[in-house]
């Protein structure tokens, strides 16, 4: 069972598109059993079973089918993979999601060896430690990694400014004034990034969306009914989640053919100086 836990942790989350709604899900299936996590962004459900449970449940749901547990597990893997991996080959199965009390049952119907095959994933509420392990801690780690990348990019921009300054001190002149940029203010940018970070931007976007629905009198859609709505809204308005950067003006029509890399016309080149000299 430890192998299933480790394998599930390594799997990425994916959108499970069903007829009635969409869910976040991840699964890991081997010949010894499977582990499944499902979430509607409000709750998280989990199921982990071994080959013995698979064999018993297969007998209860499929009276006419006789096969070893590994065959059923392989078939379930073939059914889930197209949905979770977003492959071009569609899944040859019907999935229906039912909620009973605090449990979630994912019913599957397909064919195996020319006979109808039925399967039910019985998922119960995941423990807080499991939610933290698969959602909270990975998201926090990704956030910290993005912040490190922002600092690295800021350092690269600062080095580029020093390089441009060295060119200018050597007598180089821009051939196009519109390409001139102001020096990058690393400290002010990082300070703004830490204060107006992505988390605050996302939560502010969600609050504004709720207020707009209340102001227009439209019923507030629940995230369980359409968790992808928030994602699509954020993808459609990325400019609200990141600081605006100056965009160079387009080349006026009628200018000469293909675009070439801006050239710096050097007048006099003097000896390069070190950054700390």
C-alpha atoms as a PDB file:
ATOM      1  CA  UNK A   1       0.000   0.000   0.000  1.00  0.00           C
ATOM      2  CA  UNK A   2       2.953   2.303   0.532  1.00  0.00           C
ATOM      3  CA  UNK A   3       3.773   2.008  -3.174  1.00  0.00           C
ATOM      4  CA  UNK A   4       0.251   3.187  -4.011  1.00  0.00           C
ATOM      5  CA  UNK A   5       0.576   6.185  -1.680  1.00  0.00           C
ATOM      6  CA  UNK A   6       3.915   7.218  -3.181  1.00  0.00           C
ATOM      7  CA  UNK A   7       2.688   6.666  -6.729  1.00  0.00           C
ATOM      8  CA  UNK A   8      -0.432   8.755  -6.147  1.00  0.00           C
ATOM      9  CA  UNK A   9       1.633  11.588  -4.711  1.00  0.00           C
ATOM     10  CA  UNK A  10       3.703  11.723  -7.906  1.00  0.00           C
ATOM     11  CA  UNK A  11       0.651  11.996 -10.152  1.00  0.00           C
ATOM     12  CA  UNK A  12      -0.445  15.471 -11.319  1.00  0.00           C
ATOM     13  CA  UNK A  13      -3.964  16.763 -10.823  1.00  0.00           C
ATOM     14  CA  UNK A  14      -6.169  16.810 -13.930  1.00  0.00           C
ATOM     15  CA  UNK A  15      -9.669  17.910 -14.841  1.00  0.00           C
ATOM     16  CA  UNK A  16     -12.099  15.000 -14.934  1.00  0.00           C
ATOM     17  CA  UNK A  17     -14.757  16.147 -17.399  1.00  0.00           C
ATOM     18  CA  UNK A  18     -18.106  14.495 -16.697  1.00  0.00           C
ATOM     19  CA  UNK A  19     -21.499  15.101 -18.234  1.00  0.00           C
ATOM     20  CA  UNK A  20     -22.962  16.829 -15.174  1.00  0.00           C
ATOM     21  CA  UNK A  21     -19.908  18.587 -13.773  1.00  0.00           C
ATOM     22  CA  UNK A  22     -16.122  18.717 -13.710  1.00  0.00           C
ATOM     23  CA  UNK A  23     -13.855  17.499 -10.952  1.00  0.00           C
ATOM     24  CA  UNK A  24     -10.189  17.548 -10.142  1.00  0.00           C
ATOM     25  CA  UNK A  25      -8.801  14.054  -9.932  1.00  0.00           C
ATOM     26  CA  UNK A  26      -5.631  12.007  -9.799  1.00  0.00           C
ATOM     27  CA  UNK A  27      -5.219   8.239  -9.840  1.00  0.00           C
ATOM     28  CA  UNK A  28      -2.506   5.624  -9.601  1.00  0.00           C
ATOM     29  CA  UNK A  29      -3.291   2.047 -10.645  1.00  0.00           C
ATOM     30  CA  UNK A  30      -1.053  -1.007 -10.452  1.00  0.00           C
ATOM     31  CA  UNK A  31      -1.624  -4.758 -10.513  1.00  0.00           C
ATOM     32  CA  UNK A  32      -1.776  -4.709  -6.705  1.00  0.00           C
ATOM     33  CA  UNK A  33      -4.523  -2.074  -6.364  1.00  0.00           C
ATOM     34  CA  UNK A  34      -5.334   1.562  -6.960  1.00  0.00           C
ATOM     35  CA  UNK A  35      -5.495   4.932  -5.211  1.00  0.00           C
ATOM     36  CA  UNK A  36      -7.818   7.752  -6.274  1.00  0.00           C
ATOM     37  CA  UNK A  37      -8.302  11.355  -5.188  1.00  0.00           C
ATOM     38  CA  UNK A  38     -11.234  13.504  -6.351  1.00  0.00           C
ATOM     39  CA  UNK A  39     -12.058  17.119  -5.485  1.00  0.00           C
ATOM     40  CA  UNK A  40     -14.695  19.694  -6.397  1.00  0.00           C
ATOM     41  CA  UNK A  41     -12.554  22.519  -4.895  1.00  0.00           C
ATOM     42  CA  UNK A  42     -14.715  22.413  -1.766  1.00  0.00           C
ATOM     43  CA  UNK A  43     -14.121  18.866  -0.570  1.00  0.00           C
ATOM     44  CA  UNK A  44     -11.652  16.102  -1.318  1.00  0.00           C
ATOM     45  CA  UNK A  45     -12.557  12.398  -1.511  1.00  0.00           C
ATOM     46  CA  UNK A  46     -10.197   9.433  -1.458  1.00  0.00           C
ATOM     47  CA  UNK A  47     -10.202   5.700  -2.046  1.00  0.00           C
ATOM     48  CA  UNK A  48      -7.362   3.208  -1.833  1.00  0.00           C
ATOM     49  CA  UNK A  49      -7.924  -0.535  -2.242  1.00  0.00           C
ATOM     50  CA  UNK A  50      -5.827  -3.627  -2.824  1.00  0.00           C
ATOM     51  CA  UNK A  51      -6.301  -6.551  -5.209  1.00  0.00           C
ATOM     52  CA  UNK A  52      -8.488  -8.486  -2.740  1.00  0.00           C
ATOM     53  CA  UNK A  53     -11.065  -5.676  -2.553  1.00  0.00           C
ATOM     54  CA  UNK A  54     -10.978  -5.331  -6.335  1.00  0.00           C
ATOM     55  CA  UNK A  55     -11.669  -9.044  -6.785  1.00  0.00           C
ATOM     56  CA  UNK A  56     -14.581  -9.022  -4.338  1.00  0.00           C
ATOM     57  CA  UNK A  57     -16.211  -5.879  -5.763  1.00  0.00           C
ATOM     58  CA  UNK A  58     -15.796  -7.134  -9.340  1.00  0.00           C
ATOM     59  CA  UNK A  59     -17.685 -10.330  -8.427  1.00  0.00           C
ATOM     60  CA  UNK A  60     -20.522  -8.333  -6.882  1.00  0.00           C
ATOM     61  CA  UNK A  61     -20.921  -5.974  -9.842  1.00  0.00           C
ATOM     62  CA  UNK A  62     -20.108  -8.338 -12.723  1.00  0.00           C
ATOM     63  CA  UNK A  63     -21.671 -11.756 -12.220  1.00  0.00           C
ATOM     64  CA  UNK A  64     -20.875 -12.920 -15.751  1.00  0.00           C
ATOM     65  CA  UNK A  65     -17.215 -11.890 -15.771  1.00  0.00           C
ATOM     66  CA  UNK A  66     -14.428 -14.016 -14.367  1.00  0.00           C
ATOM     67  CA  UNK A  67     -10.896 -12.664 -14.433  1.00  0.00           C
ATOM     68  CA  UNK A  68      -7.964 -12.102 -12.096  1.00  0.00           C
ATOM     69  CA  UNK A  69      -7.835  -8.767 -10.238  1.00  0.00           C
ATOM     70  CA  UNK A  70      -4.908  -7.618 -12.371  1.00  0.00           C
ATOM     71  CA  UNK A  71      -7.106  -7.789 -15.483  1.00  0.00           C
ATOM     72  CA  UNK A  72      -9.777  -5.591 -13.905  1.00  0.00           C
ATOM     73  CA  UNK A  73      -7.160  -3.120 -12.699  1.00  0.00           C
ATOM     74  CA  UNK A  74      -5.584  -2.938 -16.145  1.00  0.00           C
ATOM     75  CA  UNK A  75      -9.010  -2.274 -17.661  1.00  0.00           C
ATOM     76  CA  UNK A  76      -9.733   0.493 -15.141  1.00  0.00           C
ATOM     77  CA  UNK A  77      -6.383   2.064 -15.960  1.00  0.00           C
ATOM     78  CA  UNK A  78      -7.241   2.007 -19.672  1.00  0.00           C
ATOM     79  CA  UNK A  79     -10.561   3.737 -18.929  1.00  0.00           C
ATOM     80  CA  UNK A  80      -9.201   6.464 -16.664  1.00  0.00           C
ATOM     81  CA  UNK A  81      -6.020   7.313 -18.533  1.00  0.00           C
ATOM     82  CA  UNK A  82      -7.679   9.079 -21.514  1.00  0.00           C
ATOM     83  CA  UNK A  83      -9.654  11.265 -19.109  1.00  0.00           C
ATOM     84  CA  UNK A  84      -6.791  12.223 -16.823  1.00  0.00           C
ATOM     85  CA  UNK A  85      -3.998  12.376 -19.400  1.00  0.00           C
ATOM     86  CA  UNK A  86      -6.006  14.398 -21.956  1.00  0.00           C
ATOM     87  CA  UNK A  87      -5.057  12.041 -24.766  1.00  0.00           C
ATOM     88  CA  UNK A  88      -6.540  12.141 -28.245  1.00  0.00           C
ATOM     89  CA  UNK A  89      -8.158   8.723 -27.776  1.00  0.00           C
ATOM     90  CA  UNK A  90     -11.517   9.129 -25.978  1.00  0.00           C
ATOM     91  CA  UNK A  91     -12.446   6.870 -23.110  1.00  0.00           C
ATOM     92  CA  UNK A  92     -14.723   3.965 -24.058  1.00  0.00           C
ATOM     93  CA  UNK A  93     -16.764   4.256 -20.878  1.00  0.00           C
ATOM     94  CA  UNK A  94     -19.559   6.205 -19.230  1.00  0.00           C
ATOM     95  CA  UNK A  95     -18.822   7.945 -15.916  1.00  0.00           C
ATOM     96  CA  UNK A  96     -21.521   9.123 -13.509  1.00  0.00           C
ATOM     97  CA  UNK A  97     -20.853  10.856 -10.206  1.00  0.00           C
ATOM     98  CA  UNK A  98     -23.231  10.395  -7.258  1.00  0.00           C
ATOM     99  CA  UNK A  99     -22.984  11.829  -3.749  1.00  0.00           C
ATOM    100  CA  UNK A 100     -24.315   9.857  -0.821  1.00  0.00           C
ATOM    101  CA  UNK A 101     -24.021  11.698   2.510  1.00  0.00           C
ATOM    102  CA  UNK A 102     -20.316  12.562   2.799  1.00  0.00           C
ATOM    103  CA  UNK A 103     -19.228   9.951   0.253  1.00  0.00           C
ATOM    104  CA  UNK A 104     -18.738  10.245  -3.486  1.00  0.00           C
ATOM    105  CA  UNK A 105     -19.421   7.293  -5.789  1.00  0.00           C
ATOM    106  CA  UNK A 106     -17.962   7.369  -9.285  1.00  0.00           C
ATOM    107  CA  UNK A 107     -19.866   4.814 -11.364  1.00  0.00           C
ATOM    108  CA  UNK A 108     -18.247   3.405 -14.484  1.00  0.00           C
ATOM    109  CA  UNK A 109     -19.883   1.459 -17.285  1.00  0.00           C
ATOM    110  CA  UNK A 110     -17.972  -0.048 -20.211  1.00  0.00           C
ATOM    111  CA  UNK A 111     -17.292  -3.361 -21.914  1.00  0.00           C
ATOM    112  CA  UNK A 112     -14.720  -6.036 -21.180  1.00  0.00           C
ATOM    113  CA  UNK A 113     -14.275  -9.052 -23.468  1.00  0.00           C
ATOM    114  CA  UNK A 114     -17.548  -8.215 -25.189  1.00  0.00           C
ATOM    115  CA  UNK A 115     -19.550  -8.212 -21.936  1.00  0.00           C
ATOM    116  CA  UNK A 116     -20.846  -5.225 -19.921  1.00  0.00           C
ATOM    117  CA  UNK A 117     -18.437  -4.138 -17.217  1.00  0.00           C
ATOM    118  CA  UNK A 118     -19.488  -2.116 -14.191  1.00  0.00           C
ATOM    119  CA  UNK A 119     -17.349  -0.523 -11.516  1.00  0.00           C
ATOM    120  CA  UNK A 120     -17.977   1.815  -8.590  1.00  0.00           C
ATOM    121  CA  UNK A 121     -15.262   3.897  -6.967  1.00  0.00           C
ATOM    122  CA  UNK A 122     -16.364   4.388  -3.340  1.00  0.00           C
ATOM    123  CA  UNK A 123     -14.584   7.544  -2.197  1.00  0.00           C
ATOM    124  CA  UNK A 124     -14.823   8.895   1.345  1.00  0.00           C
ATOM    125  CA  UNK A 125     -13.758  12.294   2.665  1.00  0.00           C
ATOM    126  CA  UNK A 126      -9.985  12.594   2.698  1.00  0.00           C
ATOM    127  CA  UNK A 127      -8.225  13.285   5.976  1.00  0.00           C
ATOM    128  CA  UNK A 128      -6.750  16.770   6.587  1.00  0.00           C
ATOM    129  CA  UNK A 129      -3.234  15.319   6.467  1.00  0.00           C
ATOM    130  CA  UNK A 130      -3.925  13.780   3.047  1.00  0.00           C
ATOM    131  CA  UNK A 131      -5.327  17.071   1.714  1.00  0.00           C
ATOM    132  CA  UNK A 132      -2.267  18.882   3.013  1.00  0.00           C
ATOM    133  CA  UNK A 133       0.061  16.328   1.445  1.00  0.00           C
ATOM    134  CA  UNK A 134      -1.535  16.408  -2.017  1.00  0.00           C
ATOM    135  CA  UNK A 135      -2.815  19.989  -2.264  1.00  0.00           C
ATOM    136  CA  UNK A 136      -1.651  22.526   0.300  1.00  0.00           C
ATOM    137  CA  UNK A 137       2.029  21.681   0.571  1.00  0.00           C
ATOM    138  CA  UNK A 138       2.584  21.246  -3.200  1.00  0.00           C
ATOM    139  CA  UNK A 139       0.831  24.572  -3.884  1.00  0.00           C
ATOM    140  CA  UNK A 140       2.908  26.355  -1.248  1.00  0.00           C
ATOM    141  CA  UNK A 141       6.068  24.831  -2.682  1.00  0.00           C
ATOM    142  CA  UNK A 142       5.115  25.941  -6.189  1.00  0.00           C
ATOM    143  CA  UNK A 143       4.427  29.451  -4.907  1.00  0.00           C
ATOM    144  CA  UNK A 144       7.857  29.652  -3.285  1.00  0.00           C
ATOM    145  CA  UNK A 145       9.482  28.304  -6.461  1.00  0.00           C
ATOM    146  CA  UNK A 146       7.736  30.992  -8.539  1.00  0.00           C
ATOM    147  CA  UNK A 147       8.937  33.679  -6.150  1.00  0.00           C
ATOM    148  CA  UNK A 148      12.516  32.405  -6.538  1.00  0.00           C
ATOM    149  CA  UNK A 149      12.148  32.516 -10.317  1.00  0.00           C
ATOM    150  CA  UNK A 150      10.879  36.095 -10.124  1.00  0.00           C
ATOM    151  CA  UNK A 151      13.970  37.092  -8.136  1.00  0.00           C
ATOM    152  CA  UNK A 152      16.207  35.362 -10.682  1.00  0.00           C
ATOM    153  CA  UNK A 153      14.490  37.163 -13.558  1.00  0.00           C
ATOM    154  CA  UNK A 154      14.856  40.466 -11.717  1.00  0.00           C
ATOM    155  CA  UNK A 155      18.588  39.792 -11.383  1.00  0.00           C
ATOM    156  CA  UNK A 156      18.837  39.058 -15.114  1.00  0.00           C
ATOM    157  CA  UNK A 157      17.084  42.345 -15.935  1.00  0.00           C
ATOM    158  CA  UNK A 158      19.436  44.251 -13.660  1.00  0.00           C
ATOM    159  CA  UNK A 159      22.434  42.655 -15.397  1.00  0.00           C
ATOM    160  CA  UNK A 160      20.941  43.600 -18.776  1.00  0.00           C
ATOM    161  CA  UNK A 161      20.693  47.219 -17.634  1.00  0.00           C
ATOM    162  CA  UNK A 162      24.351  47.129 -16.641  1.00  0.00           C
ATOM    163  CA  UNK A 163      25.216  45.698 -20.036  1.00  0.00           C
ATOM    164  CA  UNK A 164      23.252  48.457 -21.803  1.00  0.00           C
ATOM    165  CA  UNK A 165      24.926  51.062 -19.616  1.00  0.00           C
ATOM    166  CA  UNK A 166      28.329  49.721 -20.611  1.00  0.00           C
ATOM    167  CA  UNK A 167      27.378  49.974 -24.290  1.00  0.00           C
ATOM    168  CA  UNK A 168      26.255  53.561 -23.795  1.00  0.00           C
ATOM    169  CA  UNK A 169      29.438  54.505 -21.989  1.00  0.00           C
ATOM    170  CA  UNK A 170      31.338  53.007 -24.924  1.00  0.00           C
ATOM    171  CA  UNK A 171      29.530  55.394 -27.275  1.00  0.00           C
ATOM    172  CA  UNK A 172      26.810  53.108 -28.615  1.00  0.00           C
ATOM    173  CA  UNK A 173      23.560  54.804 -29.717  1.00  0.00           C
ATOM    174  CA  UNK A 174      20.136  53.247 -30.304  1.00  0.00           C
ATOM    175  CA  UNK A 175      19.082  53.299 -33.946  1.00  0.00           C
ATOM    176  CA  UNK A 176      15.401  53.486 -32.920  1.00  0.00           C
ATOM    177  CA  UNK A 177      14.348  55.777 -30.095  1.00  0.00           C
ATOM    178  CA  UNK A 178      11.114  53.893 -29.500  1.00  0.00           C
ATOM    179  CA  UNK A 179      13.117  50.902 -28.233  1.00  0.00           C
ATOM    180  CA  UNK A 180      14.569  52.895 -25.365  1.00  0.00           C
ATOM    181  CA  UNK A 181      13.575  51.583 -21.947  1.00  0.00           C
ATOM    182  CA  UNK A 182      13.893  52.924 -18.441  1.00  0.00           C
ATOM    183  CA  UNK A 183      16.261  51.161 -16.023  1.00  0.00           C
ATOM    184  CA  UNK A 184      14.620  48.301 -14.182  1.00  0.00           C
ATOM    185  CA  UNK A 185      13.810  49.170 -10.558  1.00  0.00           C
ATOM    186  CA  UNK A 186      14.463  45.829  -8.921  1.00  0.00           C
ATOM    187  CA  UNK A 187      13.648  46.804  -5.333  1.00  0.00           C
ATOM    188  CA  UNK A 188      10.340  48.496  -6.099  1.00  0.00           C
ATOM    189  CA  UNK A 189       9.280  45.640  -8.382  1.00  0.00           C
ATOM    190  CA  UNK A 190      10.058  42.959  -5.790  1.00  0.00           C
ATOM    191  CA  UNK A 191       8.347  44.976  -3.076  1.00  0.00           C
ATOM    192  CA  UNK A 192       5.200  45.288  -5.195  1.00  0.00           C
ATOM    193  CA  UNK A 193       5.335  41.611  -6.089  1.00  0.00           C
ATOM    194  CA  UNK A 194       5.468  40.589  -2.427  1.00  0.00           C
ATOM    195  CA  UNK A 195       2.608  42.909  -1.471  1.00  0.00           C
ATOM    196  CA  UNK A 196       0.402  42.406  -4.545  1.00  0.00           C
ATOM    197  CA  UNK A 197       1.171  38.720  -5.021  1.00  0.00           C
ATOM    198  CA  UNK A 198      -0.658  36.125  -7.068  1.00  0.00           C
ATOM    199  CA  UNK A 199      -2.582  34.746  -4.099  1.00  0.00           C
ATOM    200  CA  UNK A 200      -4.106  38.118  -3.294  1.00  0.00           C
ATOM    201  CA  UNK A 201      -4.885  38.745  -6.953  1.00  0.00           C
ATOM    202  CA  UNK A 202      -6.708  35.427  -7.288  1.00  0.00           C
ATOM    203  CA  UNK A 203      -8.734  35.871  -4.100  1.00  0.00           C
ATOM    204  CA  UNK A 204      -9.582  39.461  -5.024  1.00  0.00           C
ATOM    205  CA  UNK A 205     -10.765  38.239  -8.435  1.00  0.00           C
ATOM    206  CA  UNK A 206     -13.057  35.669  -6.794  1.00  0.00           C
ATOM    207  CA  UNK A 207     -14.522  38.249  -4.386  1.00  0.00           C
ATOM    208  CA  UNK A 208     -15.199  40.684  -7.230  1.00  0.00           C
ATOM    209  CA  UNK A 209     -16.901  37.912  -9.195  1.00  0.00           C
ATOM    210  CA  UNK A 210     -19.236  37.156  -6.284  1.00  0.00           C
ATOM    211  CA  UNK A 211     -20.040  40.834  -5.812  1.00  0.00           C
ATOM    212  CA  UNK A 212     -20.848  41.214  -9.517  1.00  0.00           C
ATOM    213  CA  UNK A 213     -23.253  38.265  -9.382  1.00  0.00           C
ATOM    214  CA  UNK A 214     -24.958  39.704  -6.300  1.00  0.00           C
ATOM    215  CA  UNK A 215     -25.190  43.152  -7.889  1.00  0.00           C
ATOM    216  CA  UNK A 216     -26.877  41.848 -11.037  1.00  0.00           C
ATOM    217  CA  UNK A 217     -29.250  39.651  -9.069  1.00  0.00           C
ATOM    218  CA  UNK A 218     -28.040  36.475 -10.771  1.00  0.00           C
ATOM    219  CA  UNK A 219     -27.827  33.369  -8.583  1.00  0.00           C
ATOM    220  CA  UNK A 220     -24.314  32.702  -7.378  1.00  0.00           C
ATOM    221  CA  UNK A 221     -22.955  29.583  -9.094  1.00  0.00           C
ATOM    222  CA  UNK A 222     -21.434  27.104  -6.694  1.00  0.00           C
ATOM    223  CA  UNK A 223     -17.864  26.049  -7.238  1.00  0.00           C
ATOM    224  CA  UNK A 224     -18.917  22.433  -6.885  1.00  0.00           C
ATOM    225  CA  UNK A 225     -21.168  22.774  -9.913  1.00  0.00           C
ATOM    226  CA  UNK A 226     -18.550  24.376 -12.109  1.00  0.00           C
ATOM    227  CA  UNK A 227     -15.084  24.577 -10.563  1.00  0.00           C
ATOM    228  CA  UNK A 228     -13.607  25.291 -13.965  1.00  0.00           C
ATOM    229  CA  UNK A 229     -15.528  28.559 -14.182  1.00  0.00           C
ATOM    230  CA  UNK A 230     -13.129  30.299 -11.834  1.00  0.00           C
ATOM    231  CA  UNK A 231     -10.161  28.904 -13.757  1.00  0.00           C
ATOM    232  CA  UNK A 232     -11.562  30.097 -17.095  1.00  0.00           C
ATOM    233  CA  UNK A 233     -12.321  33.524 -15.654  1.00  0.00           C
ATOM    234  CA  UNK A 234      -8.760  33.897 -14.463  1.00  0.00           C
ATOM    235  CA  UNK A 235      -7.363  32.674 -17.770  1.00  0.00           C
ATOM    236  CA  UNK A 236      -9.527  35.155 -19.664  1.00  0.00           C
ATOM    237  CA  UNK A 237      -8.295  38.090 -17.557  1.00  0.00           C
ATOM    238  CA  UNK A 238      -4.588  37.471 -16.930  1.00  0.00           C
ATOM    239  CA  UNK A 239      -3.795  41.178 -16.910  1.00  0.00           C
ATOM    240  CA  UNK A 240      -5.401  41.513 -13.484  1.00  0.00           C
ATOM    241  CA  UNK A 241      -3.070  38.934 -11.975  1.00  0.00           C
ATOM    242  CA  UNK A 242       0.269  40.391 -12.987  1.00  0.00           C
ATOM    243  CA  UNK A 243       1.884  43.840 -12.975  1.00  0.00           C
ATOM    244  CA  UNK A 244       1.615  45.610 -16.300  1.00  0.00           C
ATOM    245  CA  UNK A 245       4.772  45.985 -18.338  1.00  0.00           C
ATOM    246  CA  UNK A 246       5.426  48.540 -21.057  1.00  0.00           C
ATOM    247  CA  UNK A 247       4.832  47.177 -24.533  1.00  0.00           C
ATOM    248  CA  UNK A 248       6.832  48.551 -27.454  1.00  0.00           C
ATOM    249  CA  UNK A 249       4.781  50.361 -30.063  1.00  0.00           C
ATOM    250  CA  UNK A 250       4.098  48.496 -33.294  1.00  0.00           C
ATOM    251  CA  UNK A 251       6.146  49.326 -36.348  1.00  0.00           C
ATOM    252  CA  UNK A 252       4.175  51.850 -38.439  1.00  0.00           C
ATOM    253  CA  UNK A 253       2.819  50.469 -41.718  1.00  0.00           C
ATOM    254  CA  UNK A 254       4.905  50.967 -44.781  1.00  0.00           C
ATOM    255  CA  UNK A 255       8.238  50.358 -43.160  1.00  0.00           C
ATOM    256  CA  UNK A 256      10.783  48.172 -44.843  1.00  0.00           C
ATOM    257  CA  UNK A 257      10.171  44.384 -45.160  1.00  0.00           C
ATOM    258  CA  UNK A 258      11.121  41.866 -42.483  1.00  0.00           C
ATOM    259  CA  UNK A 259      11.986  42.938 -38.998  1.00  0.00           C
ATOM    260  CA  UNK A 260      15.629  42.863 -38.016  1.00  0.00           C
ATOM    261  CA  UNK A 261      17.202  42.818 -34.601  1.00  0.00           C
ATOM    262  CA  UNK A 262      17.810  46.375 -33.344  1.00  0.00           C
ATOM    263  CA  UNK A 263      21.355  47.430 -34.076  1.00  0.00           C
ATOM    264  CA  UNK A 264      23.496  49.554 -31.833  1.00  0.00           C
ATOM    265  CA  UNK A 265      25.784  51.790 -33.843  1.00  0.00           C
ATOM    266  CA  UNK A 266      29.036  51.990 -31.939  1.00  0.00           C
ATOM    267  CA  UNK A 267      31.082  55.143 -32.166  1.00  0.00           C
ATOM    268  CA  UNK A 268      34.035  54.320 -30.007  1.00  0.00           C
ATOM    269  CA  UNK A 269      34.735  51.197 -27.965  1.00  0.00           C
ATOM    270  CA  UNK A 270      36.690  51.556 -24.806  1.00  0.00           C
ATOM    271  CA  UNK A 271      37.971  48.899 -22.470  1.00  0.00           C
ATOM    272  CA  UNK A 272      35.217  47.012 -20.653  1.00  0.00           C
ATOM    273  CA  UNK A 273      35.042  47.492 -16.930  1.00  0.00           C
ATOM    274  CA  UNK A 274      34.148  44.819 -14.404  1.00  0.00           C
ATOM    275  CA  UNK A 275      30.895  45.102 -12.509  1.00  0.00           C
ATOM    276  CA  UNK A 276      32.623  45.648  -9.192  1.00  0.00           C
ATOM    277  CA  UNK A 277      35.720  47.550 -10.394  1.00  0.00           C
END
